[in-house]
């Protein structure tokens, strides 16, 4: 995992003073009646010039043989989940959390730090053994190789589920697994089969994140793909900022498309307008949303600017073109 050096410094200072940041957060969440799921976001090594923003990563440095490799044989800065060492390592990190803290479950991000598997020697050899072809000779988006790569991430999720069930049994409770995944048809650089995880009952919460606005048809496609499973389908709501009445109407559309609820990535960036924050808190009241939207006055007035401080505001010549 990579962390900003300033974050690392703050955590180290907390530890030095005997303060456990996660325990403090859990206790505070409990006072608010909230469930807090510790989340893990994979981080690979950042090469120059951004290496200064990456803290020490002993596991990454000692497991250079477990990195994703391009078809040409060049290593990337990403872990390959084709290797059991990588799957075991991340499982052990989450095991440490659920064994040492009273949590309802954990959350794992599969929407950053991709690819998770590429053309490593192990991946290629195992594909050859099953399909009799060298995947490096196939189109990058070959469906068979996509599924082969996706199977490694699925192995990891099954391993997480097994670990959580074992620890949960010893604690007398069910430990939940929440995941964030890209939409279906997520392409050769992702190879994440979240629909299979839901159908197999491996995950308790499935959040779909598009890296932008998730189309309604993408929600409907995921709902159809996991039909019959008990896993709630959560939509990561974008854009971050939009008129409150539009947010209400979009929520209605998402519900009708098959969403069970919503996620707000970078929630600290979504509170700049009181109207948005106020309505976001009540998006679970799905039967009332449309009425509220229709009753809400238009809170925006748009005044196009030709110039500002004497300079043109024509977007053809605006800041993105000036350096």
C-alpha atoms as a PDB file:
ATOM      1  CA  UNK A   1       0.000   0.000   0.000  1.00  0.00           C
ATOM      2  CA  UNK A   2       1.208   3.500  -0.785  1.00  0.00           C
ATOM      3  CA  UNK A   3       0.379   6.455   1.444  1.00  0.00           C
ATOM      4  CA  UNK A   4       0.978  10.168   1.277  1.00  0.00           C
ATOM      5  CA  UNK A   5       4.014  10.968   3.477  1.00  0.00           C
ATOM      6  CA  UNK A   6       2.002  13.552   5.431  1.00  0.00           C
ATOM      7  CA  UNK A   7      -0.667  10.958   6.228  1.00  0.00           C
ATOM      8  CA  UNK A   8       2.061   8.544   7.279  1.00  0.00           C
ATOM      9  CA  UNK A   9       3.605  11.208   9.520  1.00  0.00           C
ATOM     10  CA  UNK A  10       0.258  11.894  11.200  1.00  0.00           C
ATOM     11  CA  UNK A  11      -0.455   8.204  11.791  1.00  0.00           C
ATOM     12  CA  UNK A  12       3.040   7.660  13.176  1.00  0.00           C
ATOM     13  CA  UNK A  13       2.484  10.575  15.550  1.00  0.00           C
ATOM     14  CA  UNK A  14      -0.844   9.097  16.708  1.00  0.00           C
ATOM     15  CA  UNK A  15       0.832   5.753  17.363  1.00  0.00           C
ATOM     16  CA  UNK A  16       3.670   7.434  19.256  1.00  0.00           C
ATOM     17  CA  UNK A  17       1.091   9.096  21.513  1.00  0.00           C
ATOM     18  CA  UNK A  18      -0.778   5.837  22.041  1.00  0.00           C
ATOM     19  CA  UNK A  19      -3.750   6.847  19.892  1.00  0.00           C
ATOM     20  CA  UNK A  20      -5.300   4.247  17.572  1.00  0.00           C
ATOM     21  CA  UNK A  21      -6.937   6.237  14.713  1.00  0.00           C
ATOM     22  CA  UNK A  22      -9.142   3.345  13.583  1.00  0.00           C
ATOM     23  CA  UNK A  23     -10.393   2.651  17.113  1.00  0.00           C
ATOM     24  CA  UNK A  24     -11.189   6.337  17.593  1.00  0.00           C
ATOM     25  CA  UNK A  25     -13.109   6.398  14.303  1.00  0.00           C
ATOM     26  CA  UNK A  26     -15.051   3.247  15.196  1.00  0.00           C
ATOM     27  CA  UNK A  27     -16.025   4.616  18.602  1.00  0.00           C
ATOM     28  CA  UNK A  28     -17.168   7.917  17.104  1.00  0.00           C
ATOM     29  CA  UNK A  29     -19.176   6.185  14.357  1.00  0.00           C
ATOM     30  CA  UNK A  30     -20.909   4.116  17.022  1.00  0.00           C
ATOM     31  CA  UNK A  31     -22.065   7.268  18.835  1.00  0.00           C
ATOM     32  CA  UNK A  32     -23.735   8.349  15.586  1.00  0.00           C
ATOM     33  CA  UNK A  33     -25.376   4.991  14.954  1.00  0.00           C
ATOM     34  CA  UNK A  34     -23.194   4.352  11.908  1.00  0.00           C
ATOM     35  CA  UNK A  35     -21.463   1.178  10.753  1.00  0.00           C
ATOM     36  CA  UNK A  36     -17.848   1.744   9.748  1.00  0.00           C
ATOM     37  CA  UNK A  37     -16.189  -0.736   7.401  1.00  0.00           C
ATOM     38  CA  UNK A  38     -12.386  -0.378   7.278  1.00  0.00           C
ATOM     39  CA  UNK A  39     -11.464  -0.043   3.611  1.00  0.00           C
ATOM     40  CA  UNK A  40      -8.370  -1.121   1.730  1.00  0.00           C
ATOM     41  CA  UNK A  41      -7.140   0.560  -1.411  1.00  0.00           C
ATOM     42  CA  UNK A  42      -4.217  -1.122  -3.141  1.00  0.00           C
ATOM     43  CA  UNK A  43      -1.254   1.060  -3.932  1.00  0.00           C
ATOM     44  CA  UNK A  44       1.632   0.172  -6.191  1.00  0.00           C
ATOM     45  CA  UNK A  45       5.001   1.884  -6.230  1.00  0.00           C
ATOM     46  CA  UNK A  46       5.008   5.249  -7.958  1.00  0.00           C
ATOM     47  CA  UNK A  47       7.953   5.824 -10.259  1.00  0.00           C
ATOM     48  CA  UNK A  48       9.729   9.167 -10.626  1.00  0.00           C
ATOM     49  CA  UNK A  49       8.850  11.982 -10.499  1.00  0.00           C
ATOM     50  CA  UNK A  50       6.006  11.083  -8.081  1.00  0.00           C
ATOM     51  CA  UNK A  51       8.065   8.669  -6.000  1.00  0.00           C
ATOM     52  CA  UNK A  52       8.277  11.307  -3.256  1.00  0.00           C
ATOM     53  CA  UNK A  53       4.544  10.802  -2.571  1.00  0.00           C
ATOM     54  CA  UNK A  54       4.967   7.069  -1.847  1.00  0.00           C
ATOM     55  CA  UNK A  55       5.994   5.791   1.562  1.00  0.00           C
ATOM     56  CA  UNK A  56       8.204   2.761   2.129  1.00  0.00           C
ATOM     57  CA  UNK A  57       6.678  -0.414   0.702  1.00  0.00           C
ATOM     58  CA  UNK A  58       8.707  -3.432   1.885  1.00  0.00           C
ATOM     59  CA  UNK A  59       6.279  -6.049   0.519  1.00  0.00           C
ATOM     60  CA  UNK A  60       6.279  -4.439  -2.920  1.00  0.00           C
ATOM     61  CA  UNK A  61      10.064  -4.118  -2.935  1.00  0.00           C
ATOM     62  CA  UNK A  62      10.594  -7.732  -1.871  1.00  0.00           C
ATOM     63  CA  UNK A  63       8.062  -9.169  -4.348  1.00  0.00           C
ATOM     64  CA  UNK A  64       9.162  -7.765  -7.677  1.00  0.00           C
ATOM     65  CA  UNK A  65       8.491 -11.196  -9.149  1.00  0.00           C
ATOM     66  CA  UNK A  66       4.784 -10.751  -8.310  1.00  0.00           C
ATOM     67  CA  UNK A  67       4.096  -7.689 -10.443  1.00  0.00           C
ATOM     68  CA  UNK A  68       1.874  -7.430 -13.496  1.00  0.00           C
ATOM     69  CA  UNK A  69       3.909  -7.700 -16.696  1.00  0.00           C
ATOM     70  CA  UNK A  70       3.073  -6.375 -20.153  1.00  0.00           C
ATOM     71  CA  UNK A  71       2.886  -8.645 -23.196  1.00  0.00           C
ATOM     72  CA  UNK A  72       6.409  -7.460 -24.034  1.00  0.00           C
ATOM     73  CA  UNK A  73       7.678  -8.537 -20.605  1.00  0.00           C
ATOM     74  CA  UNK A  74       8.012  -5.100 -18.998  1.00  0.00           C
ATOM     75  CA  UNK A  75       6.987  -4.972 -15.322  1.00  0.00           C
ATOM     76  CA  UNK A  76       4.330  -2.514 -14.180  1.00  0.00           C
ATOM     77  CA  UNK A  77       3.829  -0.836 -10.809  1.00  0.00           C
ATOM     78  CA  UNK A  78       0.839  -3.099 -10.060  1.00  0.00           C
ATOM     79  CA  UNK A  79       0.577  -6.286  -8.024  1.00  0.00           C
ATOM     80  CA  UNK A  80      -0.570  -9.378  -9.929  1.00  0.00           C
ATOM     81  CA  UNK A  81      -3.298 -11.353  -8.200  1.00  0.00           C
ATOM     82  CA  UNK A  82      -2.253 -14.378 -10.238  1.00  0.00           C
ATOM     83  CA  UNK A  83       0.305 -14.995  -7.490  1.00  0.00           C
ATOM     84  CA  UNK A  84      -0.874 -16.617  -4.255  1.00  0.00           C
ATOM     85  CA  UNK A  85       1.684 -14.528  -2.330  1.00  0.00           C
ATOM     86  CA  UNK A  86      -0.214 -11.366  -3.286  1.00  0.00           C
ATOM     87  CA  UNK A  87      -3.618 -12.828  -2.483  1.00  0.00           C
ATOM     88  CA  UNK A  88      -2.307 -14.127   0.853  1.00  0.00           C
ATOM     89  CA  UNK A  89      -0.750 -10.785   1.747  1.00  0.00           C
ATOM     90  CA  UNK A  90      -3.888  -8.720   1.254  1.00  0.00           C
ATOM     91  CA  UNK A  91      -5.978 -11.366   2.981  1.00  0.00           C
ATOM     92  CA  UNK A  92      -3.651 -11.183   5.982  1.00  0.00           C
ATOM     93  CA  UNK A  93      -3.973  -7.392   6.127  1.00  0.00           C
ATOM     94  CA  UNK A  94      -7.765  -7.611   6.329  1.00  0.00           C
ATOM     95  CA  UNK A  95      -7.566 -10.522   8.757  1.00  0.00           C
ATOM     96  CA  UNK A  96      -5.531  -8.323  11.093  1.00  0.00           C
ATOM     97  CA  UNK A  97      -8.343  -5.755  11.073  1.00  0.00           C
ATOM     98  CA  UNK A  98     -11.252  -8.119  11.757  1.00  0.00           C
ATOM     99  CA  UNK A  99      -9.329 -10.002  14.451  1.00  0.00           C
ATOM    100  CA  UNK A 100      -8.319  -6.883  16.361  1.00  0.00           C
ATOM    101  CA  UNK A 101     -11.297  -4.536  15.977  1.00  0.00           C
ATOM    102  CA  UNK A 102     -15.035  -4.864  16.522  1.00  0.00           C
ATOM    103  CA  UNK A 103     -16.165  -4.162  12.956  1.00  0.00           C
ATOM    104  CA  UNK A 104     -19.209  -5.274  10.931  1.00  0.00           C
ATOM    105  CA  UNK A 105     -16.956  -6.181   8.017  1.00  0.00           C
ATOM    106  CA  UNK A 106     -14.395  -4.787   5.598  1.00  0.00           C
ATOM    107  CA  UNK A 107     -14.367  -3.054   2.245  1.00  0.00           C
ATOM    108  CA  UNK A 108     -11.996  -3.665  -0.670  1.00  0.00           C
ATOM    109  CA  UNK A 109     -11.516  -1.372  -3.666  1.00  0.00           C
ATOM    110  CA  UNK A 110     -11.242  -2.875  -7.135  1.00  0.00           C
ATOM    111  CA  UNK A 111     -11.671   0.471  -8.884  1.00  0.00           C
ATOM    112  CA  UNK A 112      -8.110   1.714  -8.526  1.00  0.00           C
ATOM    113  CA  UNK A 113      -4.642   0.207  -9.014  1.00  0.00           C
ATOM    114  CA  UNK A 114      -5.652  -1.862 -12.016  1.00  0.00           C
ATOM    115  CA  UNK A 115      -4.655  -3.961 -13.905  1.00  0.00           C
ATOM    116  CA  UNK A 116      -4.766  -6.812 -11.408  1.00  0.00           C
ATOM    117  CA  UNK A 117      -3.444  -9.482 -13.795  1.00  0.00           C
ATOM    118  CA  UNK A 118      -1.648  -9.182 -17.146  1.00  0.00           C
ATOM    119  CA  UNK A 119       0.851 -11.400 -19.003  1.00  0.00           C
ATOM    120  CA  UNK A 120       2.963 -12.745 -16.158  1.00  0.00           C
ATOM    121  CA  UNK A 121       4.775 -16.025 -16.837  1.00  0.00           C
ATOM    122  CA  UNK A 122       2.419 -17.816 -14.448  1.00  0.00           C
ATOM    123  CA  UNK A 123      -0.660 -16.331 -16.109  1.00  0.00           C
ATOM    124  CA  UNK A 124       0.557 -17.183 -19.601  1.00  0.00           C
ATOM    125  CA  UNK A 125       1.603 -20.741 -18.709  1.00  0.00           C
ATOM    126  CA  UNK A 126      -1.694 -21.527 -17.010  1.00  0.00           C
ATOM    127  CA  UNK A 127      -3.668 -20.126 -19.945  1.00  0.00           C
ATOM    128  CA  UNK A 128      -1.633 -22.256 -22.354  1.00  0.00           C
ATOM    129  CA  UNK A 129      -2.268 -25.357 -20.242  1.00  0.00           C
ATOM    130  CA  UNK A 130      -6.029 -24.787 -20.333  1.00  0.00           C
ATOM    131  CA  UNK A 131      -6.583 -23.346 -23.816  1.00  0.00           C
ATOM    132  CA  UNK A 132      -3.519 -24.399 -25.791  1.00  0.00           C
ATOM    133  CA  UNK A 133      -2.775 -20.848 -26.919  1.00  0.00           C
ATOM    134  CA  UNK A 134      -0.316 -18.160 -26.010  1.00  0.00           C
ATOM    135  CA  UNK A 135      -2.496 -15.224 -24.877  1.00  0.00           C
ATOM    136  CA  UNK A 136       0.115 -12.766 -26.116  1.00  0.00           C
ATOM    137  CA  UNK A 137      -0.893 -13.717 -29.671  1.00  0.00           C
ATOM    138  CA  UNK A 138      -4.570 -12.928 -29.021  1.00  0.00           C
ATOM    139  CA  UNK A 139      -6.331  -9.552 -29.279  1.00  0.00           C
ATOM    140  CA  UNK A 140      -6.044  -7.573 -26.076  1.00  0.00           C
ATOM    141  CA  UNK A 141      -9.827  -7.783 -25.543  1.00  0.00           C
ATOM    142  CA  UNK A 142     -10.124 -11.528 -26.178  1.00  0.00           C
ATOM    143  CA  UNK A 143     -13.064 -12.716 -24.066  1.00  0.00           C
ATOM    144  CA  UNK A 144     -11.453 -16.020 -23.069  1.00  0.00           C
ATOM    145  CA  UNK A 145      -8.298 -14.352 -21.774  1.00  0.00           C
ATOM    146  CA  UNK A 146     -10.431 -11.682 -20.051  1.00  0.00           C
ATOM    147  CA  UNK A 147     -12.208 -14.402 -18.091  1.00  0.00           C
ATOM    148  CA  UNK A 148      -8.935 -16.184 -17.346  1.00  0.00           C
ATOM    149  CA  UNK A 149      -7.521 -13.013 -15.815  1.00  0.00           C
ATOM    150  CA  UNK A 150     -10.777 -12.274 -13.959  1.00  0.00           C
ATOM    151  CA  UNK A 151     -10.664 -15.714 -12.360  1.00  0.00           C
ATOM    152  CA  UNK A 152      -7.595 -14.739 -10.326  1.00  0.00           C
ATOM    153  CA  UNK A 153      -9.399 -11.813  -8.695  1.00  0.00           C
ATOM    154  CA  UNK A 154     -12.326 -14.137  -8.052  1.00  0.00           C
ATOM    155  CA  UNK A 155      -9.948 -16.567  -6.322  1.00  0.00           C
ATOM    156  CA  UNK A 156      -8.874 -13.701  -4.075  1.00  0.00           C
ATOM    157  CA  UNK A 157     -12.463 -12.741  -3.211  1.00  0.00           C
ATOM    158  CA  UNK A 158     -13.281 -16.380  -2.404  1.00  0.00           C
ATOM    159  CA  UNK A 159     -10.226 -16.411  -0.135  1.00  0.00           C
ATOM    160  CA  UNK A 160     -11.407 -13.248   1.607  1.00  0.00           C
ATOM    161  CA  UNK A 161     -14.860 -14.749   2.083  1.00  0.00           C
ATOM    162  CA  UNK A 162     -13.364 -17.918   3.573  1.00  0.00           C
ATOM    163  CA  UNK A 163     -11.195 -15.903   5.963  1.00  0.00           C
ATOM    164  CA  UNK A 164     -14.087 -13.673   7.065  1.00  0.00           C
ATOM    165  CA  UNK A 165     -16.339 -16.663   7.646  1.00  0.00           C
ATOM    166  CA  UNK A 166     -13.682 -18.393   9.743  1.00  0.00           C
ATOM    167  CA  UNK A 167     -12.949 -15.344  11.891  1.00  0.00           C
ATOM    168  CA  UNK A 168     -16.635 -14.440  12.092  1.00  0.00           C
ATOM    169  CA  UNK A 169     -17.503 -17.921  13.328  1.00  0.00           C
ATOM    170  CA  UNK A 170     -14.988 -17.580  16.144  1.00  0.00           C
ATOM    171  CA  UNK A 171     -16.615 -14.254  17.073  1.00  0.00           C
ATOM    172  CA  UNK A 172     -20.162 -15.537  16.763  1.00  0.00           C
ATOM    173  CA  UNK A 173     -21.178 -13.199  13.950  1.00  0.00           C
ATOM    174  CA  UNK A 174     -21.220 -12.772  10.168  1.00  0.00           C
ATOM    175  CA  UNK A 175     -18.441 -10.494   8.922  1.00  0.00           C
ATOM    176  CA  UNK A 176     -19.516  -8.712   5.794  1.00  0.00           C
ATOM    177  CA  UNK A 177     -17.468  -8.068   2.661  1.00  0.00           C
ATOM    178  CA  UNK A 178     -18.167  -4.922   0.687  1.00  0.00           C
ATOM    179  CA  UNK A 179     -16.470  -4.274  -2.661  1.00  0.00           C
ATOM    180  CA  UNK A 180     -16.322  -1.463  -5.183  1.00  0.00           C
ATOM    181  CA  UNK A 181     -16.152  -2.611  -8.793  1.00  0.00           C
ATOM    182  CA  UNK A 182     -16.217  -1.105 -12.292  1.00  0.00           C
ATOM    183  CA  UNK A 183     -19.311  -1.593 -14.490  1.00  0.00           C
ATOM    184  CA  UNK A 184     -19.887  -4.718 -16.556  1.00  0.00           C
ATOM    185  CA  UNK A 185     -17.905  -4.870 -19.772  1.00  0.00           C
ATOM    186  CA  UNK A 186     -15.025  -3.239 -17.925  1.00  0.00           C
ATOM    187  CA  UNK A 187     -12.431  -4.025 -20.557  1.00  0.00           C
ATOM    188  CA  UNK A 188      -9.039  -5.699 -20.743  1.00  0.00           C
ATOM    189  CA  UNK A 189      -7.332  -3.400 -18.250  1.00  0.00           C
ATOM    190  CA  UNK A 190      -9.770  -4.352 -15.476  1.00  0.00           C
ATOM    191  CA  UNK A 191     -11.013  -7.956 -15.754  1.00  0.00           C
ATOM    192  CA  UNK A 192     -13.213  -7.724 -12.657  1.00  0.00           C
ATOM    193  CA  UNK A 193     -16.173 -10.112 -12.523  1.00  0.00           C
ATOM    194  CA  UNK A 194     -18.225  -8.644  -9.681  1.00  0.00           C
ATOM    195  CA  UNK A 195     -21.440 -10.223 -10.976  1.00  0.00           C
ATOM    196  CA  UNK A 196     -20.036 -13.689 -10.296  1.00  0.00           C
ATOM    197  CA  UNK A 197     -19.105 -12.634  -6.759  1.00  0.00           C
ATOM    198  CA  UNK A 198     -22.689 -11.558  -6.101  1.00  0.00           C
ATOM    199  CA  UNK A 199     -24.217 -14.688  -7.627  1.00  0.00           C
ATOM    200  CA  UNK A 200     -21.906 -16.907  -5.562  1.00  0.00           C
ATOM    201  CA  UNK A 201     -22.795 -15.017  -2.393  1.00  0.00           C
ATOM    202  CA  UNK A 202     -19.187 -13.985  -1.820  1.00  0.00           C
ATOM    203  CA  UNK A 203     -19.936 -10.290  -1.224  1.00  0.00           C
ATOM    204  CA  UNK A 204     -22.525  -8.575   0.950  1.00  0.00           C
ATOM    205  CA  UNK A 205     -22.417  -5.179  -0.780  1.00  0.00           C
ATOM    206  CA  UNK A 206     -21.596  -4.466  -4.423  1.00  0.00           C
ATOM    207  CA  UNK A 207     -20.846  -0.834  -5.283  1.00  0.00           C
ATOM    208  CA  UNK A 208     -20.546   0.022  -8.979  1.00  0.00           C
ATOM    209  CA  UNK A 209     -18.216   2.926  -9.724  1.00  0.00           C
ATOM    210  CA  UNK A 210     -17.797   4.224 -13.262  1.00  0.00           C
ATOM    211  CA  UNK A 211     -15.179   6.879 -12.564  1.00  0.00           C
ATOM    212  CA  UNK A 212     -17.872   9.301 -13.657  1.00  0.00           C
ATOM    213  CA  UNK A 213     -21.602   9.261 -14.321  1.00  0.00           C
ATOM    214  CA  UNK A 214     -22.968   5.713 -14.385  1.00  0.00           C
ATOM    215  CA  UNK A 215     -25.525   5.374 -17.225  1.00  0.00           C
ATOM    216  CA  UNK A 216     -28.939   3.988 -16.341  1.00  0.00           C
ATOM    217  CA  UNK A 217     -28.484   1.128 -18.794  1.00  0.00           C
ATOM    218  CA  UNK A 218     -25.296   0.102 -16.961  1.00  0.00           C
ATOM    219  CA  UNK A 219     -27.273  -0.148 -13.719  1.00  0.00           C
ATOM    220  CA  UNK A 220     -29.945  -2.207 -15.446  1.00  0.00           C
ATOM    221  CA  UNK A 221     -27.341  -4.509 -16.968  1.00  0.00           C
ATOM    222  CA  UNK A 222     -25.745  -5.168 -13.570  1.00  0.00           C
ATOM    223  CA  UNK A 223     -29.124  -5.762 -11.965  1.00  0.00           C
ATOM    224  CA  UNK A 224     -29.927  -8.333 -14.619  1.00  0.00           C
ATOM    225  CA  UNK A 225     -26.502  -9.969 -14.253  1.00  0.00           C
ATOM    226  CA  UNK A 226     -26.940 -10.527 -10.498  1.00  0.00           C
ATOM    227  CA  UNK A 227     -30.645 -11.378 -10.595  1.00  0.00           C
ATOM    228  CA  UNK A 228     -31.501 -13.873  -7.898  1.00  0.00           C
ATOM    229  CA  UNK A 229     -28.597 -12.942  -5.619  1.00  0.00           C
ATOM    230  CA  UNK A 230     -29.115 -11.362  -2.199  1.00  0.00           C
ATOM    231  CA  UNK A 231     -26.337  -8.816  -2.710  1.00  0.00           C
ATOM    232  CA  UNK A 232     -27.562  -5.191  -2.743  1.00  0.00           C
ATOM    233  CA  UNK A 233     -26.527  -3.194  -5.818  1.00  0.00           C
ATOM    234  CA  UNK A 234     -25.147   0.203  -4.803  1.00  0.00           C
ATOM    235  CA  UNK A 235     -24.558   3.012  -7.309  1.00  0.00           C
ATOM    236  CA  UNK A 236     -21.665   5.406  -6.756  1.00  0.00           C
ATOM    237  CA  UNK A 237     -23.450   8.711  -7.367  1.00  0.00           C
ATOM    238  CA  UNK A 238     -21.848  11.142  -9.797  1.00  0.00           C
ATOM    239  CA  UNK A 239     -21.264  13.951 -10.589  1.00  0.00           C
ATOM    240  CA  UNK A 240     -20.040  15.101  -7.210  1.00  0.00           C
ATOM    241  CA  UNK A 241     -21.876  18.404  -7.452  1.00  0.00           C
ATOM    242  CA  UNK A 242     -25.244  18.968  -9.115  1.00  0.00           C
ATOM    243  CA  UNK A 243     -28.489  20.826  -8.346  1.00  0.00           C
ATOM    244  CA  UNK A 244     -30.383  19.168  -5.496  1.00  0.00           C
ATOM    245  CA  UNK A 245     -33.596  18.714  -7.493  1.00  0.00           C
ATOM    246  CA  UNK A 246     -31.636  16.987 -10.280  1.00  0.00           C
ATOM    247  CA  UNK A 247     -30.028  14.689  -7.704  1.00  0.00           C
ATOM    248  CA  UNK A 248     -33.472  13.659  -6.493  1.00  0.00           C
ATOM    249  CA  UNK A 249     -34.682  12.900 -10.006  1.00  0.00           C
ATOM    250  CA  UNK A 250     -31.493  10.984 -10.853  1.00  0.00           C
ATOM    251  CA  UNK A 251     -31.953   8.908  -7.706  1.00  0.00           C
ATOM    252  CA  UNK A 252     -35.477   7.982  -8.807  1.00  0.00           C
ATOM    253  CA  UNK A 253     -34.148   6.922 -12.207  1.00  0.00           C
ATOM    254  CA  UNK A 254     -31.406   4.803 -10.610  1.00  0.00           C
ATOM    255  CA  UNK A 255     -33.914   3.086  -8.340  1.00  0.00           C
ATOM    256  CA  UNK A 256     -36.124   2.277 -11.298  1.00  0.00           C
ATOM    257  CA  UNK A 257     -33.084   0.906 -13.175  1.00  0.00           C
ATOM    258  CA  UNK A 258     -32.350  -1.516 -10.330  1.00  0.00           C
ATOM    259  CA  UNK A 259     -30.220   0.267  -7.706  1.00  0.00           C
ATOM    260  CA  UNK A 260     -30.778  -0.617  -4.052  1.00  0.00           C
ATOM    261  CA  UNK A 261     -28.922   2.376  -2.666  1.00  0.00           C
ATOM    262  CA  UNK A 262     -26.131   4.881  -3.207  1.00  0.00           C
ATOM    263  CA  UNK A 263     -22.481   5.517  -2.422  1.00  0.00           C
ATOM    264  CA  UNK A 264     -20.768   8.921  -2.326  1.00  0.00           C
ATOM    265  CA  UNK A 265     -17.093   8.698  -3.224  1.00  0.00           C
ATOM    266  CA  UNK A 266     -15.094  11.578  -1.738  1.00  0.00           C
ATOM    267  CA  UNK A 267     -18.050  12.699   0.341  1.00  0.00           C
ATOM    268  CA  UNK A 268     -16.007  15.571   1.753  1.00  0.00           C
ATOM    269  CA  UNK A 269     -16.188  17.168  -1.708  1.00  0.00           C
ATOM    270  CA  UNK A 270     -19.983  16.922  -1.890  1.00  0.00           C
ATOM    271  CA  UNK A 271     -21.020  19.346   0.825  1.00  0.00           C
ATOM    272  CA  UNK A 272     -20.260  22.663  -0.822  1.00  0.00           C
ATOM    273  CA  UNK A 273     -23.969  23.459  -1.232  1.00  0.00           C
ATOM    274  CA  UNK A 274     -26.397  23.134   1.652  1.00  0.00           C
ATOM    275  CA  UNK A 275     -29.214  22.036  -0.662  1.00  0.00           C
ATOM    276  CA  UNK A 276     -27.210  19.082  -2.000  1.00  0.00           C
ATOM    277  CA  UNK A 277     -26.051  17.952   1.429  1.00  0.00           C
ATOM    278  CA  UNK A 278     -29.601  18.203   2.788  1.00  0.00           C
ATOM    279  CA  UNK A 279     -31.128  16.109   0.011  1.00  0.00           C
ATOM    280  CA  UNK A 280     -28.301  13.544  -0.113  1.00  0.00           C
ATOM    281  CA  UNK A 281     -29.131  12.570   3.464  1.00  0.00           C
ATOM    282  CA  UNK A 282     -32.648  11.557   2.465  1.00  0.00           C
ATOM    283  CA  UNK A 283     -32.116   9.642  -0.772  1.00  0.00           C
ATOM    284  CA  UNK A 284     -33.247   6.478   1.014  1.00  0.00           C
ATOM    285  CA  UNK A 285     -36.813   7.859   1.063  1.00  0.00           C
ATOM    286  CA  UNK A 286     -37.384   6.590  -2.442  1.00  0.00           C
ATOM    287  CA  UNK A 287     -41.174   7.010  -2.424  1.00  0.00           C
ATOM    288  CA  UNK A 288     -40.914  10.736  -1.682  1.00  0.00           C
ATOM    289  CA  UNK A 289     -38.051  11.805  -3.938  1.00  0.00           C
ATOM    290  CA  UNK A 290     -40.027  12.753  -7.036  1.00  0.00           C
ATOM    291  CA  UNK A 291     -42.542  14.806  -5.067  1.00  0.00           C
ATOM    292  CA  UNK A 292     -39.742  16.648  -3.317  1.00  0.00           C
ATOM    293  CA  UNK A 293     -38.034  17.379  -6.639  1.00  0.00           C
ATOM    294  CA  UNK A 294     -41.232  18.803  -8.111  1.00  0.00           C
ATOM    295  CA  UNK A 295     -41.827  20.980  -5.057  1.00  0.00           C
ATOM    296  CA  UNK A 296     -38.280  22.292  -4.924  1.00  0.00           C
ATOM    297  CA  UNK A 297     -37.752  25.706  -6.500  1.00  0.00           C
ATOM    298  CA  UNK A 298     -34.994  26.239  -9.007  1.00  0.00           C
ATOM    299  CA  UNK A 299     -32.061  27.390  -6.896  1.00  0.00           C
ATOM    300  CA  UNK A 300     -29.737  28.242  -9.794  1.00  0.00           C
ATOM    301  CA  UNK A 301     -29.524  31.267 -12.008  1.00  0.00           C
ATOM    302  CA  UNK A 302     -27.117  31.005 -14.939  1.00  0.00           C
ATOM    303  CA  UNK A 303     -25.462  34.191 -16.210  1.00  0.00           C
ATOM    304  CA  UNK A 304     -22.994  33.513 -19.053  1.00  0.00           C
ATOM    305  CA  UNK A 305     -19.834  35.624 -18.795  1.00  0.00           C
ATOM    306  CA  UNK A 306     -18.273  37.106 -21.912  1.00  0.00           C
ATOM    307  CA  UNK A 307     -15.329  38.526 -19.980  1.00  0.00           C
ATOM    308  CA  UNK A 308     -13.928  38.454 -16.459  1.00  0.00           C
ATOM    309  CA  UNK A 309     -11.555  41.183 -15.261  1.00  0.00           C
ATOM    310  CA  UNK A 310     -11.261  42.228 -18.864  1.00  0.00           C
ATOM    311  CA  UNK A 311     -10.235  38.787 -20.173  1.00  0.00           C
ATOM    312  CA  UNK A 312     -12.306  36.648 -22.512  1.00  0.00           C
ATOM    313  CA  UNK A 313     -14.203  33.702 -21.056  1.00  0.00           C
ATOM    314  CA  UNK A 314     -14.511  32.002 -24.433  1.00  0.00           C
ATOM    315  CA  UNK A 315     -13.714  28.374 -23.573  1.00  0.00           C
ATOM    316  CA  UNK A 316     -11.703  28.006 -26.761  1.00  0.00           C
ATOM    317  CA  UNK A 317      -9.058  30.263 -25.194  1.00  0.00           C
ATOM    318  CA  UNK A 318      -9.545  29.559 -21.507  1.00  0.00           C
ATOM    319  CA  UNK A 319      -7.092  28.276 -18.897  1.00  0.00           C
ATOM    320  CA  UNK A 320      -6.629  24.738 -20.215  1.00  0.00           C
ATOM    321  CA  UNK A 321      -5.115  26.171 -23.392  1.00  0.00           C
ATOM    322  CA  UNK A 322      -2.655  28.468 -21.621  1.00  0.00           C
ATOM    323  CA  UNK A 323      -0.103  26.062 -20.215  1.00  0.00           C
END
